Amino acid sequence: MIRRVLYLLLCLMMLPCVESIADDEAVHARSLCAEIERYVDGVVDYTDTTCLPSPGGKEHTLAFIILAQQPIFSVEASKKAWLMVVVGAIGKVVANHKPYDVSEMYVGDVNLVKNRKAFWLPGSVTKGPLKNVQDGLITLDEFYAHIQREMKEKKMPQSPQGGA
């Protein structure tokens, strides 16, 4: 039930950019999300993660909505670990499934969604900065600082009926 509510609320935010994904690409996008969820949930054991794919605006480009089922954004250490794992998981999974690319991602948790908020990140955080961590050029703290600089809070629009 909570997954449906979170999905519906965040889909409202994505309405201006939603277009249909071709059937075969939709199946592949959903399988990418399943892989991202398994990776994140395998590393982060204090919340379940839901991943929802959306068209990214260009061919073979996807946007992702990633939601934590627990209020992890209210505890800095939980937020930090979860965000780094999410960005790393998306980068790793998409890099292993060429020709796909990430245009953007929206991240949030149950409390943010209840308050009609989410955070936006550009797809570029899944590439250069992540590779720099893997190559030992930057620390995890520097990687997290980069994520924080790129994150922008987004307000979800009211539905036409005025409810959620």
C-alpha atoms as a PDB file:
ATOM      1  CA  MET A   1       0.000   0.000   0.000  1.00  0.00           C
ATOM      2  CA  ILE A   2       2.701   2.491   0.968  1.00  0.00           C
ATOM      3  CA  ARG A   3       4.564   1.777  -2.286  1.00  0.00           C
ATOM      4  CA  ARG A   4       1.440   2.693  -4.266  1.00  0.00           C
ATOM      5  CA  VAL A   5       0.954   5.944  -2.356  1.00  0.00           C
ATOM      6  CA  LEU A   6       4.615   6.929  -2.751  1.00  0.00           C
ATOM      7  CA  TYR A   7       4.514   5.997  -6.423  1.00  0.00           C
ATOM      8  CA  LEU A   8       1.377   8.050  -7.104  1.00  0.00           C
ATOM      9  CA  LEU A   9       2.653  11.099  -5.244  1.00  0.00           C
ATOM     10  CA  LEU A  10       6.005  11.170  -6.981  1.00  0.00           C
ATOM     11  CA  CYS A  11       4.435  10.468 -10.368  1.00  0.00           C
ATOM     12  CA  LEU A  12       2.512  13.720  -9.938  1.00  0.00           C
ATOM     13  CA  MET A  13       5.849  15.511  -9.787  1.00  0.00           C
ATOM     14  CA  MET A  14       6.984  13.820 -12.992  1.00  0.00           C
ATOM     15  CA  LEU A  15       3.799  14.516 -15.009  1.00  0.00           C
ATOM     16  CA  PRO A  16       5.245  17.304 -17.187  1.00  0.00           C
ATOM     17  CA  CYS A  17       7.964  14.998 -18.540  1.00  0.00           C
ATOM     18  CA  VAL A  18       6.102  11.680 -18.674  1.00  0.00           C
ATOM     19  CA  GLU A  19       5.813  10.103 -22.088  1.00  0.00           C
ATOM     20  CA  SER A  20       5.294   6.476 -22.964  1.00  0.00           C
ATOM     21  CA  ILE A  21       8.273   4.174 -22.993  1.00  0.00           C
ATOM     22  CA  ALA A  22       8.245   1.538 -25.732  1.00  0.00           C
ATOM     23  CA  ASP A  23       7.139  -1.846 -24.362  1.00  0.00           C
ATOM     24  CA  ASP A  24      10.526  -3.576 -24.667  1.00  0.00           C
ATOM     25  CA  GLU A  25      12.338  -0.572 -23.226  1.00  0.00           C
ATOM     26  CA  ALA A  26       9.829  -0.390 -20.346  1.00  0.00           C
ATOM     27  CA  VAL A  27      10.551  -4.018 -19.471  1.00  0.00           C
ATOM     28  CA  HIS A  28      14.296  -3.347 -19.555  1.00  0.00           C
ATOM     29  CA  ALA A  29      13.907  -0.150 -17.483  1.00  0.00           C
ATOM     30  CA  ARG A  30      11.930  -2.036 -14.842  1.00  0.00           C
ATOM     31  CA  SER A  31      14.592  -4.760 -14.729  1.00  0.00           C
ATOM     32  CA  LEU A  32      17.248  -2.066 -14.191  1.00  0.00           C
ATOM     33  CA  CYS A  33      15.184  -0.735 -11.275  1.00  0.00           C
ATOM     34  CA  ALA A  34      14.847  -4.226  -9.793  1.00  0.00           C
ATOM     35  CA  GLU A  35      18.625  -4.588  -9.947  1.00  0.00           C
ATOM     36  CA  ILE A  36      19.116  -1.148  -8.340  1.00  0.00           C
ATOM     37  CA  GLU A  37      16.666  -2.060  -5.545  1.00  0.00           C
ATOM     38  CA  ARG A  38      18.465  -5.374  -4.856  1.00  0.00           C
ATOM     39  CA  TYR A  39      21.846  -3.655  -4.724  1.00  0.00           C
ATOM     40  CA  VAL A  40      20.690  -0.840  -2.396  1.00  0.00           C
ATOM     41  CA  ASP A  41      18.654  -3.118  -0.121  1.00  0.00           C
ATOM     42  CA  GLY A  42      21.583  -5.551   0.048  1.00  0.00           C
ATOM     43  CA  VAL A  43      23.866  -2.831   1.408  1.00  0.00           C
ATOM     44  CA  VAL A  44      21.448  -0.646   3.385  1.00  0.00           C
ATOM     45  CA  ASP A  45      19.488  -2.788   5.827  1.00  0.00           C
ATOM     46  CA  TYR A  46      17.543  -0.075   7.697  1.00  0.00           C
ATOM     47  CA  THR A  47      15.039   0.676   4.931  1.00  0.00           C
ATOM     48  CA  ASP A  48      13.510  -0.874   1.845  1.00  0.00           C
ATOM     49  CA  THR A  49      14.085   1.032  -1.370  1.00  0.00           C
ATOM     50  CA  THR A  50      11.688   1.430  -4.281  1.00  0.00           C
ATOM     51  CA  CYS A  51      12.906   2.366  -7.755  1.00  0.00           C
ATOM     52  CA  LEU A  52      10.609   3.608 -10.500  1.00  0.00           C
ATOM     53  CA  PRO A  53      11.872   4.293 -14.034  1.00  0.00           C
ATOM     54  CA  SER A  54      10.684   7.138 -16.223  1.00  0.00           C
ATOM     55  CA  PRO A  55      11.667   8.307 -19.708  1.00  0.00           C
ATOM     56  CA  GLY A  56      14.751  10.505 -19.670  1.00  0.00           C
ATOM     57  CA  GLY A  57      13.855  12.687 -22.659  1.00  0.00           C
ATOM     58  CA  LYS A  58      16.249  11.093 -25.163  1.00  0.00           C
ATOM     59  CA  GLU A  59      16.492   7.641 -26.676  1.00  0.00           C
ATOM     60  CA  HIS A  60      17.953   5.087 -24.230  1.00  0.00           C
ATOM     61  CA  THR A  61      17.975   7.672 -21.450  1.00  0.00           C
ATOM     62  CA  LEU A  62      16.117   7.079 -18.206  1.00  0.00           C
ATOM     63  CA  ALA A  63      15.175   9.079 -15.152  1.00  0.00           C
ATOM     64  CA  PHE A  64      14.719   7.300 -11.832  1.00  0.00           C
ATOM     65  CA  ILE A  65      12.518   7.932  -8.812  1.00  0.00           C
ATOM     66  CA  ILE A  66      14.132   6.315  -5.778  1.00  0.00           C
ATOM     67  CA  LEU A  67      12.229   6.146  -2.494  1.00  0.00           C
ATOM     68  CA  ALA A  68      13.193   4.966   0.985  1.00  0.00           C
ATOM     69  CA  GLN A  69      10.354   3.385   2.933  1.00  0.00           C
ATOM     70  CA  GLN A  70      11.720   4.771   6.233  1.00  0.00           C
ATOM     71  CA  PRO A  71      12.318   8.456   7.119  1.00  0.00           C
ATOM     72  CA  ILE A  72      16.055   8.254   6.446  1.00  0.00           C
ATOM     73  CA  PHE A  73      16.404  11.935   5.510  1.00  0.00           C
ATOM     74  CA  SER A  74      15.799  12.925   9.151  1.00  0.00           C
ATOM     75  CA  VAL A  75      19.014  11.221  10.317  1.00  0.00           C
ATOM     76  CA  GLU A  76      22.126  12.608   8.612  1.00  0.00           C
ATOM     77  CA  ALA A  77      24.192   9.405   8.849  1.00  0.00           C
ATOM     78  CA  SER A  78      21.361   7.317   7.361  1.00  0.00           C
ATOM     79  CA  LYS A  79      20.750   9.859   4.611  1.00  0.00           C
ATOM     80  CA  LYS A  80      24.455  10.054   3.759  1.00  0.00           C
ATOM     81  CA  ALA A  81      24.933   6.302   3.503  1.00  0.00           C
ATOM     82  CA  TRP A  82      21.679   5.712   1.591  1.00  0.00           C
ATOM     83  CA  LEU A  83      22.344   8.497  -0.944  1.00  0.00           C
ATOM     84  CA  MET A  84      25.886   7.310  -1.666  1.00  0.00           C
ATOM     85  CA  VAL A  85      24.684   3.730  -2.128  1.00  0.00           C
ATOM     86  CA  VAL A  86      21.780   4.845  -4.356  1.00  0.00           C
ATOM     87  CA  VAL A  87      24.022   6.951  -6.599  1.00  0.00           C
ATOM     88  CA  GLY A  88      26.604   4.163  -6.713  1.00  0.00           C
ATOM     89  CA  ALA A  89      23.985   1.516  -7.504  1.00  0.00           C
ATOM     90  CA  ILE A  90      22.453   3.543 -10.320  1.00  0.00           C
ATOM     91  CA  GLY A  91      25.887   4.291 -11.773  1.00  0.00           C
ATOM     92  CA  LYS A  92      27.002   0.659 -11.605  1.00  0.00           C
ATOM     93  CA  VAL A  93      23.778  -0.859 -12.951  1.00  0.00           C
ATOM     94  CA  VAL A  94      23.336   1.588 -15.825  1.00  0.00           C
ATOM     95  CA  ALA A  95      27.026   1.370 -16.804  1.00  0.00           C
ATOM     96  CA  ASN A  96      26.603  -2.412 -17.089  1.00  0.00           C
ATOM     97  CA  HIS A  97      23.594  -2.015 -19.403  1.00  0.00           C
ATOM     98  CA  LYS A  98      24.751  -0.030 -22.414  1.00  0.00           C
ATOM     99  CA  PRO A  99      23.421   1.923 -24.302  1.00  0.00           C
ATOM    100  CA  TYR A 100      21.335   3.253 -21.388  1.00  0.00           C
ATOM    101  CA  ASP A 101      22.173   6.481 -19.626  1.00  0.00           C
ATOM    102  CA  VAL A 102      20.758   8.437 -16.667  1.00  0.00           C
ATOM    103  CA  SER A 103      19.284  11.890 -17.278  1.00  0.00           C
ATOM    104  CA  GLU A 104      18.188  12.642 -13.716  1.00  0.00           C
ATOM    105  CA  MET A 105      16.900  11.121 -10.517  1.00  0.00           C
ATOM    106  CA  TYR A 106      14.475  12.090  -7.808  1.00  0.00           C
ATOM    107  CA  VAL A 107      15.142  10.767  -4.309  1.00  0.00           C
ATOM    108  CA  GLY A 108      13.036  10.923  -1.201  1.00  0.00           C
ATOM    109  CA  ASP A 109      11.596   9.093   1.757  1.00  0.00           C
ATOM    110  CA  VAL A 110       8.199   8.564   3.321  1.00  0.00           C
ATOM    111  CA  ASN A 111       8.308  11.841   5.326  1.00  0.00           C
ATOM    112  CA  LEU A 112       9.441  13.965   2.386  1.00  0.00           C
ATOM    113  CA  VAL A 113       6.701  12.557   0.178  1.00  0.00           C
ATOM    114  CA  LYS A 114       4.060  13.188   2.865  1.00  0.00           C
ATOM    115  CA  ASN A 115       5.225  16.817   2.838  1.00  0.00           C
ATOM    116  CA  ARG A 116       5.102  16.873  -0.997  1.00  0.00           C
ATOM    117  CA  LYS A 117       8.890  17.152  -1.367  1.00  0.00           C
ATOM    118  CA  ALA A 118      11.693  15.236  -3.057  1.00  0.00           C
ATOM    119  CA  PHE A 119      15.268  15.969  -4.084  1.00  0.00           C
ATOM    120  CA  TRP A 120      16.477  16.139  -7.677  1.00  0.00           C
ATOM    121  CA  LEU A 121      19.943  15.071  -8.815  1.00  0.00           C
ATOM    122  CA  PRO A 122      21.463  15.227 -12.304  1.00  0.00           C
ATOM    123  CA  GLY A 123      22.447  11.949 -13.907  1.00  0.00           C
ATOM    124  CA  SER A 124      26.036  13.187 -14.114  1.00  0.00           C
ATOM    125  CA  VAL A 125      26.594  12.363 -10.399  1.00  0.00           C
ATOM    126  CA  THR A 126      26.477   8.676 -11.347  1.00  0.00           C
ATOM    127  CA  LYS A 127      29.496   9.058 -13.644  1.00  0.00           C
ATOM    128  CA  GLY A 128      32.512  11.319 -13.034  1.00  0.00           C
ATOM    129  CA  PRO A 129      32.392  11.705  -9.244  1.00  0.00           C
ATOM    130  CA  LEU A 130      31.631   8.014  -8.735  1.00  0.00           C
ATOM    131  CA  LYS A 131      34.524   7.022 -11.005  1.00  0.00           C
ATOM    132  CA  ASN A 132      36.791   9.382  -9.031  1.00  0.00           C
ATOM    133  CA  VAL A 133      35.885   7.499  -5.825  1.00  0.00           C
ATOM    134  CA  GLN A 134      36.536   4.139  -7.486  1.00  0.00           C
ATOM    135  CA  ASP A 135      39.895   5.394  -8.768  1.00  0.00           C
ATOM    136  CA  GLY A 136      40.848   6.743  -5.314  1.00  0.00           C
ATOM    137  CA  LEU A 137      40.972  10.358  -6.520  1.00  0.00           C
ATOM    138  CA  ILE A 138      38.373  11.602  -4.015  1.00  0.00           C
ATOM    139  CA  THR A 139      37.197  10.343  -0.632  1.00  0.00           C
ATOM    140  CA  LEU A 140      33.678   9.193   0.219  1.00  0.00           C
ATOM    141  CA  ASP A 141      33.205  12.443   2.169  1.00  0.00           C
ATOM    142  CA  GLU A 142      34.138  14.450  -0.933  1.00  0.00           C
ATOM    143  CA  PHE A 143      31.761  12.305  -2.992  1.00  0.00           C
ATOM    144  CA  TYR A 144      28.938  12.985  -0.530  1.00  0.00           C
ATOM    145  CA  ALA A 145      29.738  16.716  -0.537  1.00  0.00           C
ATOM    146  CA  HIS A 146      29.425  16.646  -4.335  1.00  0.00           C
ATOM    147  CA  ILE A 147      26.034  14.912  -4.086  1.00  0.00           C
ATOM    148  CA  GLN A 148      24.888  17.534  -1.553  1.00  0.00           C
ATOM    149  CA  ARG A 149      25.964  20.402  -3.836  1.00  0.00           C
ATOM    150  CA  GLU A 150      24.076  18.917  -6.780  1.00  0.00           C
ATOM    151  CA  MET A 151      20.868  18.066  -4.873  1.00  0.00           C
ATOM    152  CA  LYS A 152      17.972  20.472  -5.347  1.00  0.00           C
ATOM    153  CA  GLU A 153      14.772  20.319  -3.327  1.00  0.00           C
ATOM    154  CA  LYS A 154      11.634  20.013  -5.434  1.00  0.00           C
ATOM    155  CA  LYS A 155       8.091  20.669  -4.345  1.00  0.00           C
ATOM    156  CA  MET A 156       5.495  18.279  -5.726  1.00  0.00           C
ATOM    157  CA  PRO A 157       2.516  19.977  -7.373  1.00  0.00           C
ATOM    158  CA  GLN A 158      -0.965  19.825  -5.891  1.00  0.00           C
ATOM    159  CA  SER A 159      -3.318  17.545  -7.736  1.00  0.00           C
ATOM    160  CA  PRO A 160      -6.146  19.349  -9.607  1.00  0.00           C
ATOM    161  CA  GLN A 161      -8.607  18.203  -6.907  1.00  0.00           C
ATOM    162  CA  GLY A 162      -6.433  19.791  -4.202  1.00  0.00           C
ATOM    163  CA  GLY A 163      -5.627  16.467  -2.491  1.00  0.00           C
ATOM    164  CA  ALA A 164      -2.698  14.115  -2.680  1.00  0.00           C
END
